[in-house]
Amino acid sequence: MSIIEKTTEALIGKYWPLVCATALDATALIQSPRSFFKTMKGRSAFCPNAWFFGIFVAVGLGVISLPALRLAGVEPTYELAAVMTFINWLLILIYGICFAVAAQFLRSKQSLMVTINTFFFLSAYLVVLKIVEGPALGARFAGMLETCITLDYSQAVTAAIKKSQTYISANEHVGWGYLAFTGLMAWALKVLHDFGWIRALIATVIGMGLLSTVLAKLQEPIIAQMVCAYGQGS
């Protein structure tokens, strides 16, 4: 047996159980979200299944973005794909922290990790939103690429999206998608933290507010820098 075969066999033997366990959790979420949330209440420490699932979501978000990047004039590379995957995974973690902090602010007795672990699985919904955003994504990246020197990309992105009714519609659909996501998070926080609906909704609104701040102050600047770095080099 060659070294490559031995290495492959060792990796499969080590990580295959994790893959199977993660797949079972994802299936449980689809089949019965409420039962899944109750299960996640007991995972108050680091959950490898959840964090591993986040990698798949990060890869999915990156793959969906690649055609839009190409349309904007950025040539996809393996390095860019790796960078995007890492950034996406890190942002998913930060999003989860936003809702975890919001739950703690409402005096939850659960640990931060309960919310963070659960959010890694719920982040699969972000892939759906990214698909819906697809038509406007290329325009968004193109707007960022046009302002690499000044980095005043917000107005350029808005102008690029307004050029087409298709882009505008896609943006509106994403807005409705985030509204549905807000409802999903409220349900999750209600079950995870034994909140009433009002308390869960307040925690969700706080979490969405923190997430919006992350989008504006962290995500958009990072993505713009990445697009400019790889766009100018392509």
C-alpha atoms as a PDB file:
ATOM      1  CA  MET A   1       0.000   0.000   0.000  1.00  0.00           C
ATOM      2  CA  SER A   2       1.403   3.396  -1.012  1.00  0.00           C
ATOM      3  CA  ILE A   3       1.900   6.342   1.327  1.00  0.00           C
ATOM      4  CA  ILE A   4      -0.964   8.228  -0.351  1.00  0.00           C
ATOM      5  CA  GLU A   5      -3.319   5.285   0.123  1.00  0.00           C
ATOM      6  CA  LYS A   6      -2.292   4.908   3.764  1.00  0.00           C
ATOM      7  CA  THR A   7      -2.775   8.629   4.379  1.00  0.00           C
ATOM      8  CA  THR A   8      -6.179   8.599   2.697  1.00  0.00           C
ATOM      9  CA  GLU A   9      -7.270   5.573   4.705  1.00  0.00           C
ATOM     10  CA  ALA A  10      -6.095   7.200   7.936  1.00  0.00           C
ATOM     11  CA  LEU A  11      -7.955  10.436   7.178  1.00  0.00           C
ATOM     12  CA  ILE A  12     -11.139   8.583   6.289  1.00  0.00           C
ATOM     13  CA  GLY A  13     -10.888   6.486   9.429  1.00  0.00           C
ATOM     14  CA  LYS A  14     -10.397   9.586  11.561  1.00  0.00           C
ATOM     15  CA  TYR A  15     -12.954  11.958  10.043  1.00  0.00           C
ATOM     16  CA  TRP A  16     -15.626   9.663   8.592  1.00  0.00           C
ATOM     17  CA  PRO A  17     -17.403   9.239  11.961  1.00  0.00           C
ATOM     18  CA  LEU A  18     -17.508  13.040  12.275  1.00  0.00           C
ATOM     19  CA  VAL A  19     -18.960  13.357   8.764  1.00  0.00           C
ATOM     20  CA  CYS A  20     -21.649  10.774   9.556  1.00  0.00           C
ATOM     21  CA  ALA A  21     -22.543  12.382  12.894  1.00  0.00           C
ATOM     22  CA  THR A  22     -22.768  15.804  11.262  1.00  0.00           C
ATOM     23  CA  ALA A  23     -24.996  14.442   8.499  1.00  0.00           C
ATOM     24  CA  LEU A  24     -27.309  12.893  11.101  1.00  0.00           C
ATOM     25  CA  ASP A  25     -27.607  16.230  12.915  1.00  0.00           C
ATOM     26  CA  ALA A  26     -28.370  18.068   9.673  1.00  0.00           C
ATOM     27  CA  THR A  27     -31.021  15.479   8.828  1.00  0.00           C
ATOM     28  CA  ALA A  28     -32.554  15.865  12.288  1.00  0.00           C
ATOM     29  CA  LEU A  29     -32.784  19.635  11.771  1.00  0.00           C
ATOM     30  CA  ILE A  30     -34.645  19.158   8.494  1.00  0.00           C
ATOM     31  CA  GLN A  31     -37.006  16.487   9.836  1.00  0.00           C
ATOM     32  CA  SER A  32     -37.933  18.150  13.128  1.00  0.00           C
ATOM     33  CA  PRO A  33     -36.428  21.560  13.918  1.00  0.00           C
ATOM     34  CA  ARG A  34     -38.026  21.717  17.353  1.00  0.00           C
ATOM     35  CA  SER A  35     -36.621  18.330  18.389  1.00  0.00           C
ATOM     36  CA  PHE A  36     -33.253  19.369  16.989  1.00  0.00           C
ATOM     37  CA  PHE A  37     -33.265  22.578  19.043  1.00  0.00           C
ATOM     38  CA  LYS A  38     -34.058  20.562  22.175  1.00  0.00           C
ATOM     39  CA  THR A  39     -31.118  18.280  21.410  1.00  0.00           C
ATOM     40  CA  MET A  40     -28.810  21.257  20.947  1.00  0.00           C
ATOM     41  CA  LYS A  41     -29.808  22.584  24.390  1.00  0.00           C
ATOM     42  CA  GLY A  42     -27.680  19.822  25.854  1.00  0.00           C
ATOM     43  CA  ARG A  43     -24.581  20.758  23.868  1.00  0.00           C
ATOM     44  CA  SER A  44     -23.222  23.505  26.073  1.00  0.00           C
ATOM     45  CA  ALA A  45     -19.575  22.866  25.187  1.00  0.00           C
ATOM     46  CA  PHE A  46     -17.676  22.811  21.910  1.00  0.00           C
ATOM     47  CA  CYS A  47     -19.655  20.720  19.386  1.00  0.00           C
ATOM     48  CA  PRO A  48     -17.362  19.389  16.619  1.00  0.00           C
ATOM     49  CA  ASN A  49     -20.347  18.399  14.467  1.00  0.00           C
ATOM     50  CA  ALA A  50     -21.622  21.975  14.380  1.00  0.00           C
ATOM     51  CA  TRP A  51     -18.285  23.626  13.699  1.00  0.00           C
ATOM     52  CA  PHE A  52     -17.504  21.040  11.035  1.00  0.00           C
ATOM     53  CA  PHE A  53     -20.880  21.687   9.391  1.00  0.00           C
ATOM     54  CA  GLY A  54     -19.924  25.363   9.275  1.00  0.00           C
ATOM     55  CA  ILE A  55     -17.070  24.466   6.938  1.00  0.00           C
ATOM     56  CA  PHE A  56     -19.510  22.972   4.432  1.00  0.00           C
ATOM     57  CA  VAL A  57     -21.672  26.089   4.623  1.00  0.00           C
ATOM     58  CA  ALA A  58     -18.611  28.303   4.135  1.00  0.00           C
ATOM     59  CA  VAL A  59     -17.589  26.286   1.073  1.00  0.00           C
ATOM     60  CA  GLY A  60     -21.137  26.496  -0.290  1.00  0.00           C
ATOM     61  CA  LEU A  61     -21.241  30.272   0.121  1.00  0.00           C
ATOM     62  CA  GLY A  62     -17.903  30.557  -1.663  1.00  0.00           C
ATOM     63  CA  VAL A  63     -18.902  28.305  -4.562  1.00  0.00           C
ATOM     64  CA  ILE A  64     -22.091  30.297  -5.140  1.00  0.00           C
ATOM     65  CA  SER A  65     -20.068  33.532  -5.187  1.00  0.00           C
ATOM     66  CA  LEU A  66     -17.497  32.359  -7.756  1.00  0.00           C
ATOM     67  CA  PRO A  67     -19.654  32.912 -10.896  1.00  0.00           C
ATOM     68  CA  ALA A  68     -20.561  36.402  -9.646  1.00  0.00           C
ATOM     69  CA  LEU A  69     -16.881  37.189  -9.073  1.00  0.00           C
ATOM     70  CA  ARG A  70     -16.044  36.037 -12.592  1.00  0.00           C
ATOM     71  CA  LEU A  71     -18.863  38.203 -13.947  1.00  0.00           C
ATOM     72  CA  ALA A  72     -17.392  41.185 -12.088  1.00  0.00           C
ATOM     73  CA  GLY A  73     -13.980  40.573 -13.654  1.00  0.00           C
ATOM     74  CA  VAL A  74     -12.301  38.646 -10.844  1.00  0.00           C
ATOM     75  CA  GLU A  75     -10.689  35.403 -12.003  1.00  0.00           C
ATOM     76  CA  PRO A  76     -11.354  32.644  -9.426  1.00  0.00           C
ATOM     77  CA  THR A  77      -8.290  30.780  -8.151  1.00  0.00           C
ATOM     78  CA  TYR A  78      -7.722  28.046  -5.586  1.00  0.00           C
ATOM     79  CA  GLU A  79      -6.143  30.633  -3.300  1.00  0.00           C
ATOM     80  CA  LEU A  80      -9.180  32.898  -3.590  1.00  0.00           C
ATOM     81  CA  ALA A  81     -11.495  29.955  -2.886  1.00  0.00           C
ATOM     82  CA  ALA A  82      -9.503  29.076   0.243  1.00  0.00           C
ATOM     83  CA  VAL A  83      -9.522  32.687   1.459  1.00  0.00           C
ATOM     84  CA  MET A  84     -13.264  32.976   0.842  1.00  0.00           C
ATOM     85  CA  THR A  85     -13.946  29.740   2.715  1.00  0.00           C
ATOM     86  CA  PHE A  86     -11.985  30.909   5.753  1.00  0.00           C
ATOM     87  CA  ILE A  87     -13.627  34.354   5.743  1.00  0.00           C
ATOM     88  CA  ASN A  88     -17.104  32.852   5.375  1.00  0.00           C
ATOM     89  CA  TRP A  89     -16.532  30.392   8.219  1.00  0.00           C
ATOM     90  CA  LEU A  90     -15.194  33.128  10.492  1.00  0.00           C
ATOM     91  CA  LEU A  91     -18.167  35.367   9.712  1.00  0.00           C
ATOM     92  CA  ILE A  92     -20.603  32.534  10.469  1.00  0.00           C
ATOM     93  CA  LEU A  93     -18.928  32.126  13.855  1.00  0.00           C
ATOM     94  CA  ILE A  94     -19.246  35.858  14.525  1.00  0.00           C
ATOM     95  CA  TYR A  95     -22.930  35.813  13.502  1.00  0.00           C
ATOM     96  CA  GLY A  96     -23.530  33.036  16.008  1.00  0.00           C
ATOM     97  CA  ILE A  97     -21.784  35.041  18.703  1.00  0.00           C
ATOM     98  CA  CYS A  98     -24.133  37.968  17.959  1.00  0.00           C
ATOM     99  CA  PHE A  99     -27.197  35.896  18.829  1.00  0.00           C
ATOM    100  CA  ALA A 100     -25.440  34.206  21.752  1.00  0.00           C
ATOM    101  CA  VAL A 101     -24.638  37.607  23.271  1.00  0.00           C
ATOM    102  CA  ALA A 102     -28.215  38.761  22.652  1.00  0.00           C
ATOM    103  CA  ALA A 103     -29.557  35.719  24.519  1.00  0.00           C
ATOM    104  CA  GLN A 104     -27.206  36.370  27.431  1.00  0.00           C
ATOM    105  CA  PHE A 105     -28.362  39.994  27.508  1.00  0.00           C
ATOM    106  CA  LEU A 106     -31.876  38.647  28.093  1.00  0.00           C
ATOM    107  CA  ARG A 107     -30.466  36.664  31.040  1.00  0.00           C
ATOM    108  CA  SER A 108     -30.424  33.216  29.518  1.00  0.00           C
ATOM    109  CA  LYS A 109     -29.201  30.441  31.793  1.00  0.00           C
ATOM    110  CA  GLN A 110     -27.667  28.577  28.852  1.00  0.00           C
ATOM    111  CA  SER A 111     -24.037  28.954  27.829  1.00  0.00           C
ATOM    112  CA  LEU A 112     -22.919  30.960  24.826  1.00  0.00           C
ATOM    113  CA  MET A 113     -21.892  27.751  23.068  1.00  0.00           C
ATOM    114  CA  VAL A 114     -25.467  26.446  22.881  1.00  0.00           C
ATOM    115  CA  THR A 115     -26.436  29.293  20.564  1.00  0.00           C
ATOM    116  CA  ILE A 116     -23.163  29.289  18.626  1.00  0.00           C
ATOM    117  CA  ASN A 117     -23.317  25.537  18.004  1.00  0.00           C
ATOM    118  CA  THR A 118     -26.923  25.757  16.840  1.00  0.00           C
ATOM    119  CA  PHE A 119     -26.249  28.726  14.587  1.00  0.00           C
ATOM    120  CA  PHE A 120     -23.607  26.808  12.651  1.00  0.00           C
ATOM    121  CA  PHE A 121     -26.369  24.443  11.529  1.00  0.00           C
ATOM    122  CA  LEU A 122     -28.916  27.213  10.925  1.00  0.00           C
ATOM    123  CA  SER A 123     -26.353  29.051   8.787  1.00  0.00           C
ATOM    124  CA  ALA A 124     -27.292  26.642   5.980  1.00  0.00           C
ATOM    125  CA  TYR A 125     -30.191  29.046   5.419  1.00  0.00           C
ATOM    126  CA  LEU A 126     -27.621  31.673   4.417  1.00  0.00           C
ATOM    127  CA  VAL A 127     -26.732  29.513   1.415  1.00  0.00           C
ATOM    128  CA  VAL A 128     -30.354  29.769   0.280  1.00  0.00           C
ATOM    129  CA  LEU A 129     -30.234  33.549   0.683  1.00  0.00           C
ATOM    130  CA  LYS A 130     -26.983  33.681  -1.285  1.00  0.00           C
ATOM    131  CA  ILE A 131     -28.616  31.760  -4.145  1.00  0.00           C
ATOM    132  CA  VAL A 132     -31.536  34.207  -4.128  1.00  0.00           C
ATOM    133  CA  GLU A 133     -29.084  37.111  -4.114  1.00  0.00           C
ATOM    134  CA  GLY A 134     -27.200  35.595  -7.070  1.00  0.00           C
ATOM    135  CA  PRO A 135     -28.439  37.970  -9.821  1.00  0.00           C
ATOM    136  CA  ALA A 136     -27.392  41.046  -7.802  1.00  0.00           C
ATOM    137  CA  LEU A 137     -24.166  39.561  -6.458  1.00  0.00           C
ATOM    138  CA  GLY A 138     -22.156  40.189  -9.618  1.00  0.00           C
ATOM    139  CA  ALA A 139     -23.273  43.828  -9.645  1.00  0.00           C
ATOM    140  CA  ARG A 140     -22.321  44.143  -5.980  1.00  0.00           C
ATOM    141  CA  PHE A 141     -18.805  42.822  -6.635  1.00  0.00           C
ATOM    142  CA  ALA A 142     -18.459  45.021  -9.737  1.00  0.00           C
ATOM    143  CA  GLY A 143     -19.395  48.070  -7.672  1.00  0.00           C
ATOM    144  CA  MET A 144     -16.719  47.190  -5.131  1.00  0.00           C
ATOM    145  CA  LEU A 145     -14.150  46.686  -7.876  1.00  0.00           C
ATOM    146  CA  GLU A 146     -14.857  50.128  -9.324  1.00  0.00           C
ATOM    147  CA  THR A 147     -13.950  51.855  -6.051  1.00  0.00           C
ATOM    148  CA  CYS A 148     -10.796  50.007  -5.030  1.00  0.00           C
ATOM    149  CA  ILE A 149      -8.765  53.199  -4.724  1.00  0.00           C
ATOM    150  CA  THR A 150     -11.210  55.179  -2.589  1.00  0.00           C
ATOM    151  CA  LEU A 151     -12.895  52.147  -0.952  1.00  0.00           C
ATOM    152  CA  ASP A 152     -16.103  54.210  -0.944  1.00  0.00           C
ATOM    153  CA  TYR A 153     -17.974  51.185  -2.218  1.00  0.00           C
ATOM    154  CA  SER A 154     -21.408  51.606  -0.601  1.00  0.00           C
ATOM    155  CA  GLN A 155     -22.729  54.153  -3.114  1.00  0.00           C
ATOM    156  CA  ALA A 156     -21.122  52.322  -6.040  1.00  0.00           C
ATOM    157  CA  VAL A 157     -22.752  49.039  -5.008  1.00  0.00           C
ATOM    158  CA  THR A 158     -26.149  50.696  -4.649  1.00  0.00           C
ATOM    159  CA  ALA A 159     -25.796  52.356  -8.060  1.00  0.00           C
ATOM    160  CA  ALA A 160     -24.733  49.085  -9.694  1.00  0.00           C
ATOM    161  CA  ILE A 161     -27.748  47.229  -8.304  1.00  0.00           C
ATOM    162  CA  LYS A 162     -30.154  49.982  -9.399  1.00  0.00           C
ATOM    163  CA  LYS A 163     -29.070  49.532 -13.025  1.00  0.00           C
ATOM    164  CA  SER A 164     -31.309  46.477 -13.434  1.00  0.00           C
ATOM    165  CA  GLN A 165     -34.790  45.615 -12.236  1.00  0.00           C
ATOM    166  CA  THR A 166     -33.582  42.027 -11.865  1.00  0.00           C
ATOM    167  CA  TYR A 167     -30.927  43.143  -9.384  1.00  0.00           C
ATOM    168  CA  ILE A 168     -33.459  45.235  -7.481  1.00  0.00           C
ATOM    169  CA  SER A 169     -35.906  42.320  -7.296  1.00  0.00           C
ATOM    170  CA  ALA A 170     -33.171  39.976  -6.085  1.00  0.00           C
ATOM    171  CA  ASN A 171     -32.275  42.436  -3.334  1.00  0.00           C
ATOM    172  CA  GLU A 172     -35.921  42.688  -2.293  1.00  0.00           C
ATOM    173  CA  HIS A 173     -36.242  38.903  -2.173  1.00  0.00           C
ATOM    174  CA  VAL A 174     -33.160  38.742   0.049  1.00  0.00           C
ATOM    175  CA  GLY A 175     -34.846  41.235   2.372  1.00  0.00           C
ATOM    176  CA  TRP A 176     -37.888  38.977   2.664  1.00  0.00           C
ATOM    177  CA  GLY A 177     -35.533  36.049   3.168  1.00  0.00           C
ATOM    178  CA  TYR A 178     -33.888  37.773   6.121  1.00  0.00           C
ATOM    179  CA  LEU A 179     -37.329  38.432   7.582  1.00  0.00           C
ATOM    180  CA  ALA A 180     -38.041  34.687   7.441  1.00  0.00           C
ATOM    181  CA  PHE A 181     -34.612  34.027   8.952  1.00  0.00           C
ATOM    182  CA  THR A 182     -35.529  36.355  11.822  1.00  0.00           C
ATOM    183  CA  GLY A 183     -38.561  34.189  12.529  1.00  0.00           C
ATOM    184  CA  LEU A 184     -36.432  31.037  12.437  1.00  0.00           C
ATOM    185  CA  MET A 185     -33.934  32.518  14.891  1.00  0.00           C
ATOM    186  CA  ALA A 186     -36.724  33.630  17.233  1.00  0.00           C
ATOM    187  CA  TRP A 187     -38.056  30.066  17.258  1.00  0.00           C
ATOM    188  CA  ALA A 188     -34.582  28.664  17.898  1.00  0.00           C
ATOM    189  CA  LEU A 189     -33.840  31.079  20.752  1.00  0.00           C
ATOM    190  CA  LYS A 190     -37.243  30.390  22.312  1.00  0.00           C
ATOM    191  CA  VAL A 191     -36.565  26.647  22.500  1.00  0.00           C
ATOM    192  CA  LEU A 192     -32.839  26.829  23.266  1.00  0.00           C
ATOM    193  CA  HIS A 193     -33.179  29.276  26.145  1.00  0.00           C
ATOM    194  CA  ASP A 194     -36.700  28.517  27.411  1.00  0.00           C
ATOM    195  CA  PHE A 195     -37.804  32.034  26.497  1.00  0.00           C
ATOM    196  CA  GLY A 196     -41.357  33.169  25.936  1.00  0.00           C
ATOM    197  CA  TRP A 197     -42.122  34.493  22.461  1.00  0.00           C
ATOM    198  CA  ILE A 198     -41.731  38.148  23.463  1.00  0.00           C
ATOM    199  CA  ARG A 199     -38.376  37.540  25.118  1.00  0.00           C
ATOM    200  CA  ALA A 200     -37.240  35.436  22.152  1.00  0.00           C
ATOM    201  CA  LEU A 201     -38.266  38.141  19.683  1.00  0.00           C
ATOM    202  CA  ILE A 202     -36.449  40.827  21.664  1.00  0.00           C
ATOM    203  CA  ALA A 203     -33.298  38.686  21.761  1.00  0.00           C
ATOM    204  CA  THR A 204     -33.616  38.067  18.022  1.00  0.00           C
ATOM    205  CA  VAL A 205     -34.009  41.766  17.255  1.00  0.00           C
ATOM    206  CA  ILE A 206     -30.912  42.514  19.336  1.00  0.00           C
ATOM    207  CA  GLY A 207     -29.041  39.710  17.574  1.00  0.00           C
ATOM    208  CA  MET A 208     -30.102  40.943  14.131  1.00  0.00           C
ATOM    209  CA  GLY A 209     -29.006  44.443  15.118  1.00  0.00           C
ATOM    210  CA  LEU A 210     -25.568  43.162  16.093  1.00  0.00           C
ATOM    211  CA  LEU A 211     -25.435  41.098  12.894  1.00  0.00           C
ATOM    212  CA  SER A 212     -26.302  44.174  10.798  1.00  0.00           C
ATOM    213  CA  THR A 213     -23.452  46.044  12.464  1.00  0.00           C
ATOM    214  CA  VAL A 214     -21.084  43.191  11.617  1.00  0.00           C
ATOM    215  CA  LEU A 215     -22.290  43.253   8.008  1.00  0.00           C
ATOM    216  CA  ALA A 216     -21.704  46.980   7.647  1.00  0.00           C
ATOM    217  CA  LYS A 217     -18.540  47.426   9.704  1.00  0.00           C
ATOM    218  CA  LEU A 218     -16.740  44.121   9.176  1.00  0.00           C
ATOM    219  CA  GLN A 219     -18.086  41.899   6.411  1.00  0.00           C
ATOM    220  CA  GLU A 220     -18.513  44.472   3.642  1.00  0.00           C
ATOM    221  CA  PRO A 221     -15.044  46.050   4.138  1.00  0.00           C
ATOM    222  CA  ILE A 222     -13.376  42.616   4.244  1.00  0.00           C
ATOM    223  CA  ILE A 223     -15.172  41.408   1.102  1.00  0.00           C
ATOM    224  CA  ALA A 224     -14.386  44.680  -0.682  1.00  0.00           C
ATOM    225  CA  GLN A 225     -10.695  44.370   0.186  1.00  0.00           C
ATOM    226  CA  MET A 226     -10.663  40.770  -1.025  1.00  0.00           C
ATOM    227  CA  VAL A 227     -12.390  41.637  -4.312  1.00  0.00           C
ATOM    228  CA  CYS A 228      -9.967  44.495  -4.908  1.00  0.00           C
ATOM    229  CA  ALA A 229      -6.903  42.424  -4.020  1.00  0.00           C
ATOM    230  CA  TYR A 230      -7.763  39.551  -6.358  1.00  0.00           C
ATOM    231  CA  GLY A 231      -9.549  41.681  -8.950  1.00  0.00           C
ATOM    232  CA  GLN A 232      -6.591  43.968  -9.530  1.00  0.00           C
ATOM    233  CA  GLY A 233      -4.262  40.996  -9.711  1.00  0.00           C
ATOM    234  CA  SER A 234      -6.338  39.085 -12.259  1.00  0.00           C
END
